C-alpha atoms as a PDB file:
ATOM      1  CA  MET A   1       6.741  -8.769  13.812  1.00  0.00           C
ATOM      2  CA  LYS A   2       4.551 -11.390  12.062  1.00  0.00           C
ATOM      3  CA  ILE A   3       3.834  -9.782   8.877  1.00  0.00           C
ATOM      4  CA  GLY A   4       1.470 -10.944   5.819  1.00  0.00           C
ATOM      5  CA  ILE A   5       1.729  -9.883   2.478  1.00  0.00           C
ATOM      6  CA  ILE A   6      -0.911 -10.199  -0.077  1.00  0.00           C
ATOM      7  CA  GLY A   7       0.329  -9.661  -3.409  1.00  0.00           C
ATOM      8  CA  ALA A   8       3.861 -10.197  -4.675  1.00  0.00           C
ATOM      9  CA  GLY A   9       4.266  -7.624  -7.577  1.00  0.00           C
ATOM     10  CA  ASN A  10       6.721  -4.742  -7.432  1.00  0.00           C
ATOM     11  CA  ILE A  11       5.691  -3.337  -4.054  1.00  0.00           C
ATOM     12  CA  GLY A  12       4.775  -6.621  -2.452  1.00  0.00           C
ATOM     13  CA  GLY A  13       7.904  -8.452  -3.673  1.00  0.00           C
ATOM     14  CA  THR A  14      10.055  -5.520  -2.377  1.00  0.00           C
ATOM     15  CA  LEU A  15       8.486  -5.344   0.972  1.00  0.00           C
ATOM     16  CA  THR A  16       8.730  -9.306   1.278  1.00  0.00           C
ATOM     17  CA  ARG A  17      12.541  -8.939   0.587  1.00  0.00           C
ATOM     18  CA  ARG A  18      13.211  -5.815   2.667  1.00  0.00           C
ATOM     19  CA  LEU A  19      11.161  -6.902   5.661  1.00  0.00           C
ATOM     20  CA  SER A  20      12.528 -10.477   5.739  1.00  0.00           C
ATOM     21  CA  GLU A  21      16.204  -8.857   5.684  1.00  0.00           C
ATOM     22  CA  LEU A  22      15.040  -6.713   8.753  1.00  0.00           C
ATOM     23  CA  GLY A  23      14.306  -9.927  10.619  1.00  0.00           C
ATOM     24  CA  HIS A  24      10.545  -9.779  10.401  1.00  0.00           C
ATOM     25  CA  ASP A  25       8.550 -13.204  10.074  1.00  0.00           C
ATOM     26  CA  VAL A  26       6.937 -12.636   6.612  1.00  0.00           C
ATOM     27  CA  SER A  27       4.293 -14.741   4.938  1.00  0.00           C
ATOM     28  CA  VAL A  28       3.465 -13.833   1.190  1.00  0.00           C
ATOM     29  CA  ALA A  29       0.252 -14.927  -0.692  1.00  0.00           C
ATOM     30  CA  ASN A  30      -1.056 -14.197  -4.132  1.00  0.00           C
ATOM     31  CA  SER A  31      -4.173 -15.155  -6.235  1.00  0.00           C
ATOM     32  CA  ARG A  32      -2.275 -17.907  -8.200  1.00  0.00           C
ATOM     33  CA  GLY A  33      -1.271 -20.181  -5.365  1.00  0.00           C
ATOM     34  CA  PRO A  34       1.910 -20.743  -3.027  1.00  0.00           C
ATOM     35  CA  HIS A  35       3.629 -22.685  -5.693  1.00  0.00           C
ATOM     36  CA  THR A  36       4.223 -19.455  -7.756  1.00  0.00           C
ATOM     37  CA  LEU A  37       5.815 -17.979  -4.963  1.00  0.00           C
ATOM     38  CA  ALA A  38       8.435 -20.628  -4.220  1.00  0.00           C
ATOM     39  CA  ASP A  39      11.310 -18.889  -5.738  1.00  0.00           C
ATOM     40  CA  LEU A  40      10.700 -15.635  -3.638  1.00  0.00           C
ATOM     41  CA  ALA A  41      10.108 -17.559  -0.459  1.00  0.00           C
ATOM     42  CA  SER A  42      13.471 -19.424  -1.186  1.00  0.00           C
ATOM     43  CA  ALA A  43      15.322 -16.183  -1.880  1.00  0.00           C
ATOM     44  CA  THR A  44      14.144 -14.262   1.155  1.00  0.00           C
ATOM     45  CA  GLY A  45      13.103 -16.990   3.853  1.00  0.00           C
ATOM     46  CA  ALA A  46       9.429 -15.819   3.588  1.00  0.00           C
ATOM     47  CA  HIS A  47       6.685 -18.341   4.090  1.00  0.00           C
ATOM     48  CA  ASN A  48       4.694 -18.826   0.797  1.00  0.00           C
ATOM     49  CA  VAL A  49       1.132 -19.565   1.891  1.00  0.00           C
ATOM     50  CA  PRO A  50      -2.368 -19.536   0.612  1.00  0.00           C
ATOM     51  CA  VAL A  51      -4.141 -16.273   0.547  1.00  0.00           C
ATOM     52  CA  GLU A  52      -6.721 -17.660   2.903  1.00  0.00           C
ATOM     53  CA  ALA A  53      -4.055 -18.240   5.580  1.00  0.00           C
ATOM     54  CA  VAL A  54      -1.986 -15.188   5.342  1.00  0.00           C
ATOM     55  CA  ALA A  55      -3.727 -13.203   8.124  1.00  0.00           C
ATOM     56  CA  ARG A  56      -3.989 -16.000  10.519  1.00  0.00           C
ATOM     57  CA  ARG A  57      -0.903 -15.522  12.403  1.00  0.00           C
ATOM     58  CA  ALA A  58      -0.076 -12.029  11.560  1.00  0.00           C
ATOM     59  CA  GLU A  59       0.265  -8.895  13.530  1.00  0.00           C
ATOM     60  CA  LEU A  60       0.209  -6.673  10.362  1.00  0.00           C
ATOM     61  CA  VAL A  61      -1.025  -7.527   6.717  1.00  0.00           C
ATOM     62  CA  VAL A  62      -0.046  -5.460   3.824  1.00  0.00           C
ATOM     63  CA  VAL A  63      -2.760  -5.514   0.871  1.00  0.00           C
ATOM     64  CA  THR A  64      -0.675  -4.690  -2.233  1.00  0.00           C
ATOM     65  CA  ILE A  65      -2.851  -5.826  -5.283  1.00  0.00           C
ATOM     66  CA  PRO A  66      -4.621  -3.997  -8.159  1.00  0.00           C
ATOM     67  CA  GLN A  67      -7.395  -1.831  -6.846  1.00  0.00           C
ATOM     68  CA  PHE A  68     -10.019  -3.628  -9.178  1.00  0.00           C
ATOM     69  CA  ARG A  69      -8.978  -6.963  -7.532  1.00  0.00           C
ATOM     70  CA  VAL A  70      -9.606  -6.169  -3.990  1.00  0.00           C
ATOM     71  CA  PRO A  71     -13.192  -7.291  -4.197  1.00  0.00           C
ATOM     72  CA  ASP A  72     -12.079 -10.571  -5.511  1.00  0.00           C
ATOM     73  CA  LEU A  73     -10.159 -11.372  -2.336  1.00  0.00           C
ATOM     74  CA  PRO A  74     -11.676 -14.393  -0.322  1.00  0.00           C
ATOM     75  CA  ALA A  75     -14.712 -13.297   1.661  1.00  0.00           C
ATOM     76  CA  GLY A  76     -13.163 -14.983   4.912  1.00  0.00           C
ATOM     77  CA  ILE A  77      -9.672 -13.768   4.344  1.00  0.00           C
ATOM     78  CA  PHE A  78      -9.390 -12.253   7.918  1.00  0.00           C
ATOM     79  CA  ASP A  79     -11.307 -15.228   9.596  1.00  0.00           C
ATOM     80  CA  GLY A  80      -9.408 -16.241  12.575  1.00  0.00           C
ATOM     81  CA  ALA A  81      -7.026 -13.193  12.532  1.00  0.00           C
ATOM     82  CA  ALA A  82      -6.331 -11.234  15.774  1.00  0.00           C
ATOM     83  CA  ASP A  83      -8.854  -8.435  16.632  1.00  0.00           C
ATOM     84  CA  GLU A  84      -5.930  -5.976  16.732  1.00  0.00           C
ATOM     85  CA  LEU A  85      -4.562  -6.963  13.352  1.00  0.00           C
ATOM     86  CA  ILE A  86      -3.278  -3.955  11.426  1.00  0.00           C
ATOM     87  CA  VAL A  87      -4.038  -3.809   7.678  1.00  0.00           C
ATOM     88  CA  VAL A  88      -2.035  -1.640   5.296  1.00  0.00           C
ATOM     89  CA  ASP A  89      -3.383  -0.682   1.989  1.00  0.00           C
ATOM     90  CA  THR A  90      -0.644   0.224  -0.661  1.00  0.00           C
ATOM     91  CA  GLY A  91      -3.140   0.560  -3.509  1.00  0.00           C
ATOM     92  CA  ASN A  92      -3.699   3.261  -5.987  1.00  0.00           C
ATOM     93  CA  TYR A  93      -6.620   3.697  -8.476  1.00  0.00           C
ATOM     94  CA  TYR A  94      -5.591   3.817 -12.196  1.00  0.00           C
ATOM     95  CA  PRO A  95      -8.873   4.103 -14.168  1.00  0.00           C
ATOM     96  CA  GLN A  96      -7.231   4.688 -17.486  1.00  0.00           C
ATOM     97  CA  GLN A  97      -4.496   2.228 -17.212  1.00  0.00           C
ATOM     98  CA  ARG A  98      -5.722  -0.874 -15.463  1.00  0.00           C
ATOM     99  CA  ASP A  99      -8.754  -0.783 -13.035  1.00  0.00           C
ATOM    100  CA  GLY A 100     -11.595   0.642 -15.092  1.00  0.00           C
ATOM    101  CA  ARG A 101     -14.295   2.829 -13.537  1.00  0.00           C
ATOM    102  CA  ILE A 102     -14.998   2.442  -9.848  1.00  0.00           C
ATOM    103  CA  ASP A 103     -18.088   4.766  -9.181  1.00  0.00           C
ATOM    104  CA  GLU A 104     -17.587   5.551  -5.585  1.00  0.00           C
ATOM    105  CA  ILE A 105     -13.967   6.709  -6.181  1.00  0.00           C
ATOM    106  CA  GLU A 106     -14.962   8.668  -9.237  1.00  0.00           C
ATOM    107  CA  ASP A 107     -17.615  10.331  -6.862  1.00  0.00           C
ATOM    108  CA  GLY A 108     -14.991  11.471  -4.467  1.00  0.00           C
ATOM    109  CA  MET A 109     -14.559   8.561  -2.003  1.00  0.00           C
ATOM    110  CA  PRO A 110     -10.814   8.273  -1.089  1.00  0.00           C
ATOM    111  CA  GLU A 111      -9.356   5.172  -2.544  1.00  0.00           C
ATOM    112  CA  SER A 112      -8.424   3.539   0.766  1.00  0.00           C
ATOM    113  CA  ARG A 113     -11.809   4.257   2.317  1.00  0.00           C
ATOM    114  CA  TRP A 114     -13.300   2.309  -0.676  1.00  0.00           C
ATOM    115  CA  VAL A 115     -10.785  -0.622   0.000  1.00  0.00           C
ATOM    116  CA  GLU A 116     -12.049  -0.514   3.779  1.00  0.00           C
ATOM    117  CA  THR A 117     -15.712  -1.072   2.577  1.00  0.00           C
ATOM    118  CA  ARG A 118     -14.607  -4.037   0.591  1.00  0.00           C
ATOM    119  CA  LEU A 119     -12.191  -5.586   3.015  1.00  0.00           C
ATOM    120  CA  LYS A 120     -14.645  -4.788   5.992  1.00  0.00           C
ATOM    121  CA  ARG A 121     -11.805  -3.697   8.053  1.00  0.00           C
ATOM    122  CA  PRO A 122      -9.996  -0.361   8.873  1.00  0.00           C
ATOM    123  CA  VAL A 123      -6.815   0.142   7.023  1.00  0.00           C
ATOM    124  CA  ILE A 124      -3.659   2.462   7.105  1.00  0.00           C
ATOM    125  CA  LYS A 125      -2.445   3.826   3.962  1.00  0.00           C
ATOM    126  CA  ALA A 126       1.172   3.659   3.089  1.00  0.00           C
ATOM    127  CA  PHE A 127       3.837   2.935   0.579  1.00  0.00           C
ATOM    128  CA  ASN A 128       1.593   4.109  -2.308  1.00  0.00           C
ATOM    129  CA  ASN A 129       3.454   7.181  -3.319  1.00  0.00           C
ATOM    130  CA  ILE A 130       7.046   5.693  -3.999  1.00  0.00           C
ATOM    131  CA  TYR A 131       8.378   3.589  -6.752  1.00  0.00           C
ATOM    132  CA  ALA A 132       9.226   0.079  -5.902  1.00  0.00           C
ATOM    133  CA  GLN A 133      12.757   0.411  -7.043  1.00  0.00           C
ATOM    134  CA  HIS A 134      13.180   3.576  -4.860  1.00  0.00           C
ATOM    135  CA  LEU A 135      11.662   1.726  -1.890  1.00  0.00           C
ATOM    136  CA  SER A 136      14.118  -1.088  -2.381  1.00  0.00           C
ATOM    137  CA  ASP A 137      17.302   0.959  -2.809  1.00  0.00           C
ATOM    138  CA  ASN A 138      16.890   4.417  -1.685  1.00  0.00           C
ATOM    139  CA  GLY A 139      16.451   4.039   2.203  1.00  0.00           C
ATOM    140  CA  LEU A 140      18.813   5.746   4.477  1.00  0.00           C
ATOM    141  CA  PRO A 141      19.566   5.921   8.259  1.00  0.00           C
ATOM    142  CA  ALA A 142      17.432   8.071  10.372  1.00  0.00           C
ATOM    143  CA  GLY A 143      18.795  11.612  10.535  1.00  0.00           C
ATOM    144  CA  THR A 144      20.501  11.487   7.077  1.00  0.00           C
ATOM    145  CA  PRO A 145      19.861  14.957   5.293  1.00  0.00           C
ATOM    146  CA  GLY A 146      17.532  14.575   2.387  1.00  0.00           C
ATOM    147  CA  ARG A 147      16.141  11.309   3.522  1.00  0.00           C
ATOM    148  CA  ILE A 148      13.000  10.368   1.678  1.00  0.00           C
ATOM    149  CA  ALA A 149       9.696  10.634   3.566  1.00  0.00           C
ATOM    150  CA  LEU A 150       6.479   8.674   3.137  1.00  0.00           C
ATOM    151  CA  PRO A 151       2.970   9.690   4.207  1.00  0.00           C
ATOM    152  CA  VAL A 152       1.098   7.401   6.527  1.00  0.00           C
ATOM    153  CA  ALA A 153      -2.680   7.982   6.895  1.00  0.00           C
ATOM    154  CA  GLY A 154      -5.187   6.111   9.036  1.00  0.00           C
ATOM    155  CA  ASP A 155      -7.905   6.581  11.663  1.00  0.00           C
ATOM    156  CA  ASP A 156      -6.246   4.359  14.490  1.00  0.00           C
ATOM    157  CA  ARG A 157      -3.282   6.608  15.751  1.00  0.00           C
ATOM    158  CA  ALA A 158      -1.636   3.491  17.394  1.00  0.00           C
ATOM    159  CA  ALA A 159      -1.875   1.424  14.336  1.00  0.00           C
ATOM    160  CA  ARG A 160      -0.641   4.320  12.331  1.00  0.00           C
ATOM    161  CA  ALA A 161       2.296   4.782  14.796  1.00  0.00           C
ATOM    162  CA  ILE A 162       3.344   1.143  14.415  1.00  0.00           C
ATOM    163  CA  VAL A 163       3.216   1.469  10.550  1.00  0.00           C
ATOM    164  CA  MET A 164       5.189   4.657  10.847  1.00  0.00           C
ATOM    165  CA  ASP A 165       7.925   2.652  12.811  1.00  0.00           C
ATOM    166  CA  VAL A 166       8.134   0.089  10.083  1.00  0.00           C
ATOM    167  CA  VAL A 167       8.543   2.957   7.579  1.00  0.00           C
ATOM    168  CA  ASP A 168      11.454   4.246   9.558  1.00  0.00           C
ATOM    169  CA  THR A 169      13.190   0.845   9.932  1.00  0.00           C
ATOM    170  CA  LEU A 170      13.041   0.580   6.099  1.00  0.00           C
ATOM    171  CA  GLY A 171      15.016   3.672   5.653  1.00  0.00           C
ATOM    172  CA  PHE A 172      12.409   6.483   5.059  1.00  0.00           C
ATOM    173  CA  ASP A 173      11.085   9.349   7.352  1.00  0.00           C
ATOM    174  CA  PRO A 174       7.400   8.660   8.381  1.00  0.00           C
ATOM    175  CA  VAL A 175       4.989  11.520   8.039  1.00  0.00           C
ATOM    176  CA  ALA A 176       1.460  11.515   9.618  1.00  0.00           C
ATOM    177  CA  ALA A 177      -0.848  12.238   6.971  1.00  0.00           C
ATOM    178  CA  GLY A 178      -4.196  12.501   8.941  1.00  0.00           C
ATOM    179  CA  GLU A 179      -7.194  10.001   8.775  1.00  0.00           C
ATOM    180  CA  ILE A 180      -8.271   7.894   5.998  1.00  0.00           C
ATOM    181  CA  GLU A 181     -10.723  10.601   4.855  1.00  0.00           C
ATOM    182  CA  GLU A 182      -7.624  12.845   4.251  1.00  0.00           C
ATOM    183  CA  SER A 183      -5.730  10.053   2.382  1.00  0.00           C
ATOM    184  CA  TRP A 184      -6.593  11.562  -1.006  1.00  0.00           C
ATOM    185  CA  ARG A 185      -3.791  13.993  -0.441  1.00  0.00           C
ATOM    186  CA  GLN A 186      -1.396  11.193  -1.251  1.00  0.00           C
ATOM    187  CA  GLN A 187      -3.220   9.633  -4.268  1.00  0.00           C
ATOM    188  CA  PRO A 188      -1.977   9.703  -7.748  1.00  0.00           C
ATOM    189  CA  GLY A 189      -1.763  13.037  -9.258  1.00  0.00           C
ATOM    190  CA  THR A 190      -1.086  14.828  -5.953  1.00  0.00           C
ATOM    191  CA  PRO A 191       2.040  16.790  -5.332  1.00  0.00           C
ATOM    192  CA  VAL A 192       3.538  13.985  -3.098  1.00  0.00           C
ATOM    193  CA  TYR A 193       2.902  11.185  -5.439  1.00  0.00           C
ATOM    194  CA  THR A 194       6.189   9.613  -6.704  1.00  0.00           C
ATOM    195  CA  THR A 195       8.241  12.806  -5.786  1.00  0.00           C
ATOM    196  CA  ASP A 196      10.553  11.483  -3.240  1.00  0.00           C
ATOM    197  CA  LYS A 197      10.287  14.587  -1.025  1.00  0.00           C
ATOM    198  CA  ASP A 198      11.944  14.915   2.424  1.00  0.00           C
ATOM    199  CA  ALA A 199       9.690  15.282   5.582  1.00  0.00           C
ATOM    200  CA  ASP A 200       9.257  19.022   5.115  1.00  0.00           C
ATOM    201  CA  GLY A 201       8.501  18.662   1.460  1.00  0.00           C
ATOM    202  CA  VAL A 202       6.025  15.945   2.100  1.00  0.00           C
ATOM    203  CA  ARG A 203       4.079  17.937   4.643  1.00  0.00           C
ATOM    204  CA  GLN A 204       4.099  20.970   2.273  1.00  0.00           C
ATOM    205  CA  ALA A 205       2.811  18.626  -0.640  1.00  0.00           C
ATOM    206  CA  LEU A 206       0.075  17.164   1.400  1.00  0.00           C
ATOM    207  CA  ALA A 207      -1.037  20.738   2.403  1.00  0.00           C
ATOM    208  CA  GLN A 208      -0.987  21.754  -1.279  1.00  0.00           C
ATOM    209  CA  ALA A 209      -2.980  18.787  -2.576  1.00  0.00           C
ATOM    210  CA  SER A 210      -6.478  19.398  -4.156  1.00  0.00           C
ATOM    211  CA  PRO A 211      -9.320  17.123  -3.645  1.00  0.00           C
ATOM    212  CA  GLU A 212     -10.331  17.452  -7.339  1.00  0.00           C
ATOM    213  CA  ARG A 213      -9.104  14.556  -9.389  1.00  0.00           C
ATOM    214  CA  ALA A 214      -7.384  15.610 -12.495  1.00  0.00           C
ATOM    215  CA  PRO A 215      -8.811  14.545 -15.869  1.00  0.00           C
ATOM    216  CA  GLU A 216      -5.870  11.988 -16.339  1.00  0.00           C
ATOM    217  CA  TRP A 217      -6.570  10.242 -13.280  1.00  0.00           C
ATOM    218  CA  ARG A 218     -10.349   9.780 -14.128  1.00  0.00           C
ATOM    219  CA  ALA A 219     -12.171   7.130 -15.865  1.00  0.00           C
ATOM    220  CA  THR A 220     -13.060   7.559 -19.534  1.00  0.00           C
ATOM    221  CA  THR A 221     -15.676   5.756 -21.736  1.00  0.00           C
ATOM    222  CA  GLY A 222     -12.812   3.575 -22.943  1.00  0.00           C
ATOM    223  CA  SER A 223     -11.330   2.529 -19.575  1.00  0.00           C
ATOM    224  CA  PRO A 224      -9.290   0.776 -18.887  1.00  0.00           C
ATOM    225  CA  GLY A 225      -6.488   0.869 -21.406  1.00  0.00           C
ATOM    226  CA  THR A 226      -2.915  -0.102 -20.336  1.00  0.00           C
ATOM    227  CA  PHE A 227      -0.057   1.755 -18.721  1.00  0.00           C
ATOM    228  CA  THR A 228       1.576   2.320 -22.146  1.00  0.00           C
ATOM    229  CA  GLN A 229      -1.698   3.077 -23.713  1.00  0.00           C
ATOM    230  CA  PRO A 230      -4.072   4.610 -21.242  1.00  0.00           C
ATOM    231  CA  ALA A 231      -7.885   4.757 -22.373  1.00  0.00           C
END
């Protein structure tokens, strides 16, 4: 596939490497410009491109940037993109550590639904509940007992199925996690978050999730702090 990746942090860099290894035609962009991605491009064979160009030739685009940075993406970032372009959101809301207060999310809007309202495109939520190092190193062949499973949520079932296929080729069992309105079940603080469960464990964890956001995952008057000193 032709895959664009917006963001080259832990998850973005890992996906750039792994998807390139699997033979996908990967383009990667960030807010600081293509020159800052020259080493990553050289090491992986990916194309380092301006963020405004990343979606133009892609079949699938992964948005993997801090939540509070989503509104800062260029307004025309999807201009010229195919109508059937699939957009994947890997993001998480960390109000006390990084993002500060986002009122709509605090009021109960699922994080990826909020992303949709900013991007003005539907998204598939995936890759948000696993550590980057585990995504890089812990994939296993299909059928391996104990294979880590990843939930994939989205309203478009055909698009969700394509993303699930990508998850499988990366070495993880994909689990359909419902529509975007249900994607709160895989947000930070839920039983499936960073727990590396197998497929049965993921399904059970999704069913056990509560829509109530725990206090440690809500904004405070001092938000944001840092990951080492949350506010």
